Amino acid sequence: MGTLTEIDDYLRLLYAKLGDSYCYNCGKEIKPQTIEQIMTYIQNDYLNQKIYLLQESGRFEKKEDLTDFVKKNRNKVEK
């Protein structure tokens, strides 16, 4: 019945907004983070280690935005 009325799509959206997300591996709640919070975490836990930060290229409106982002942020994380 859910697929006939496509109500399952609406229920999925509703539960995504009302429910809390938890990590499958550690069980901690997943919360939105600011760039500053992420950088602080990386600087404290991964100092002088090689890491890769990945992002979908489709999230940038123009190709130039992606190029500028890579140029500005392609360096070592140092404290």
Protein backbone atom coordinates (compact mmCIF):
# COMPACT_ATOMS: atom_id res chain seq x y z
CA MET A 1 0.00 0.00 0.00
CA GLY A 2 2.84 2.39 0.77
CA THR A 3 4.23 2.17 -2.73
CA LEU A 4 0.87 2.69 -4.40
CA THR A 5 0.22 5.96 -2.59
CA GLU A 6 3.92 6.84 -2.32
CA ILE A 7 3.32 7.62 1.32
CA ASP A 8 6.54 5.82 2.22
CA ASP A 9 8.52 8.73 0.75
CA TYR A 10 6.72 11.16 3.02
CA LEU A 11 7.13 8.90 6.04
CA ARG A 12 10.86 8.63 5.35
CA LEU A 13 11.13 12.42 5.30
CA LEU A 14 9.07 12.74 8.46
CA TYR A 15 11.16 10.22 10.40
CA ALA A 16 14.38 11.80 9.14
CA LYS A 17 13.31 15.14 10.63
CA LEU A 18 11.85 13.79 13.87
CA GLY A 19 14.26 10.99 14.61
CA ASP A 20 17.86 11.02 15.78
CA SER A 21 20.68 9.46 13.76
CA TYR A 22 23.29 7.24 15.40
CA CYS A 23 26.58 5.85 14.13
CA TYR A 24 26.43 2.13 13.34
CA ASN A 25 30.02 1.58 14.50
CA CYS A 26 30.21 3.43 17.84
CA GLY A 27 26.59 4.23 18.70
CA LYS A 28 27.18 7.98 19.15
CA GLU A 29 24.52 10.42 18.00
CA ILE A 30 25.26 12.10 14.67
CA LYS A 31 24.91 15.88 14.89
CA PRO A 32 25.63 18.71 12.44
CA GLN A 33 29.06 20.29 12.88
CA THR A 34 30.57 23.60 11.86
CA ILE A 35 33.79 23.83 9.86
CA GLU A 36 35.54 25.13 12.99
CA GLN A 37 34.46 22.08 15.01
CA ILE A 38 35.68 19.71 12.30
CA MET A 39 39.03 21.50 11.98
CA THR A 40 39.54 21.44 15.77
CA TYR A 41 38.85 17.69 15.80
CA ILE A 42 41.31 17.09 12.95
CA GLN A 43 44.01 19.27 14.53
CA ASN A 44 43.69 17.52 17.90
CA ASP A 45 43.42 13.90 16.74
CA TYR A 46 45.28 13.76 13.41
CA LEU A 47 48.13 16.25 13.79
CA ASN A 48 51.03 15.49 11.40
CA GLN A 49 49.19 12.54 9.85
CA LYS A 50 48.15 12.18 6.24
CA ILE A 51 44.38 12.45 5.85
CA TYR A 52 41.97 12.85 2.97
CA LEU A 53 38.91 15.06 3.12
CA LEU A 54 36.41 14.11 0.45
CA GLN A 55 33.39 16.01 -0.79
CA GLU A 56 31.03 15.53 -3.68
CA SER A 57 32.06 17.79 -6.54
CA GLY A 58 28.39 18.36 -7.34
CA ARG A 59 28.03 20.45 -4.19
CA PHE A 60 29.96 23.29 -5.83
CA GLU A 61 27.96 25.47 -8.18
CA LYS A 62 30.84 26.12 -10.57
CA LYS A 63 33.97 24.18 -11.41
CA GLU A 64 36.00 27.27 -10.43
CA ASP A 65 34.61 27.03 -6.89
CA LEU A 66 35.95 23.49 -6.57
CA THR A 67 39.33 24.51 -8.00
CA ASP A 68 39.60 27.45 -5.58
CA PHE A 69 38.64 25.21 -2.66
CA VAL A 70 41.35 22.68 -3.53
CA LYS A 71 44.00 25.39 -3.98
CA LYS A 72 43.18 27.03 -0.65
CA ASN A 73 42.89 23.84 1.38
CA ARG A 74 45.49 21.53 -0.07
CA ASN A 75 48.02 21.68 2.73
CA LYS A 76 49.06 19.98 5.93
CA VAL A 77 46.98 20.46 9.04
CA GLU A 78 49.20 22.04 11.65
CA LYS A 79 48.46 23.34 15.11
